[in-house]
Amino acid sequence: MTNGSVDRKGNLTKLTGRALFESIGSPTKIVAPMVDQSELAWRILSRRYGATLAYTPMFHAKLFATSEKYRKDMWCSIDGDKKVDRPLVVQFCANDPEYLLAAAKLVEDKCDAVDLNLGCPQGIARKGRYGSFLMEDWDLIFKLIRTLHDNLNVPVTAKIRVFPDREKTLKYAKMVLDAGAQFLTVHGRLREQKGQKTGLADWDIIRYLRENLPKETVFFANGNILYPEDISRCMNYIHCDGIMSAEGNLYNPGVFCADFDSNIEMSYPRVDKLLREYFDIVKSCEGSQASKIAMKSHFFKILRPFLPVHTDVRASLASMTAKTPFEEWDDKVVRPVEKIVQDIFKQPDIEEKDKVITGEIELWGGAYKTIPYWRCQPYFRPVNGVTGDKRIVETLKSKKCESESSNIDEEELKKRKAEEVLESKNQKKELKV
């Protein structure tokens, strides 16, 4: 990749590759593109807690290009504003180059790059034939990326998932880059790893790609970011340029505060303070219908550890809608949460209770933490009553035992073979005698 695209007269038309990355501040902590979740208000909040680059939610290219109502629901005049919403990458899902280009043209002057979603694993992506369900159609993917690369005034980037086979994944990544992608984000999970089958992202295959792609490739990793220290752990292991977080950021925007891990108020903010801060941001984003629509979902995620203890707040929050006046949100949800947490902090032993306790290093390389329920924290999805953290630990323990057993079996087999050879030699000696 060069430092920029050049027109027929030899003039530099747009930054590319490493030059593009440096021009937006060499961001290392990145808000992932999430359907209906990484909208304007959430991006602004996340930047306050350490994010240095943000992606929009995944927009449907055809609808964005053809439906004015869809555009108004997803995009407003403040989106991409240089004062409050940059650097910004706008992401689209698509399977038609013309619609993709038409949609991208509508936002190219309000963003730093346009991204092609090649990672969405949901059923709606299967039905619409986009996201990770284009992984077998390399010709179409090449055409989609190249169309943007050749015709947009801003660069094109791409986010992919991996195949089970490393070499196939490497060829796939090279094709995406050859098509014109200037940043490559790799989500280290298979297409099948979603929902209750999510499991651990494979950092080894991400590292393999990083080591075998051109050194100048701007490379982001996605997956397994639970706590702030996981960011440096991932960067040191993979040697990538930046870390992208989706679910980790949704439940705790403080996950990006890797430089403030000793500051509990930044790394694991109190739910009452974060809720108020986010609520005020939503109110300030006039015209952002997407921010208003997403607010209820964000409230539930921020308050996830809090609501099972205070079920009255959960009932009030469940009754809210995007049409509910802000005053009612304040009266029935925000202020009651503030009152409860303020009362918690009046307890005489609150200093002892309000601590984040780090457990032992687990087989996956990091450590789980015990965090007070009045602070933001990761979410571990339960399956059949067992949470994701416990499932992962048990799975890794089982694999370790199988490996150790296999090693023991191999050693035993070698020992037996050696004994058989020795016995055979002894028998031959006896026969000669």
Foldseek 3Di string as FASTA:
>chain_A
DDQADADPVRDGQEGFFPNLCVVLPLWAEEADAAALAQAQLLVLLLVVLAGSEYEYHEAELQCLLPPPVSCLQRDDPCDLPPVRHPQYEYEYKDQDQVSNQSNCQVCLVRHQEYEYAQADLDPVCVVVVTHVNCLVVLVSLLSNQLSCQVPGSHFYAYEHEADPDLVSRLVSVVSNVVSGHRAYEYEQDDSPQDDPNPFFRDLVSLLVNCVPDDVSHQYEYETDQFFLCVSVVSCVVNVHSHYYYYQNCLQPSNSNNNVVRVPCCSRWNFLLVSLVSSLVSLVVPPSNNSSLQSSLVSNCSPLVLPCVVVVQLVVLSVPDGSPDDSVSCCVRHNVVLVVVVVVCVVDPCVVVVQDKAWDDQAPVGGTDIDGPSRIGGGAFDDDPRRTNVVVNRVVVVVVVVVVVVVVVVVVVVVVVVVVVVVVVVVVVVVVVD
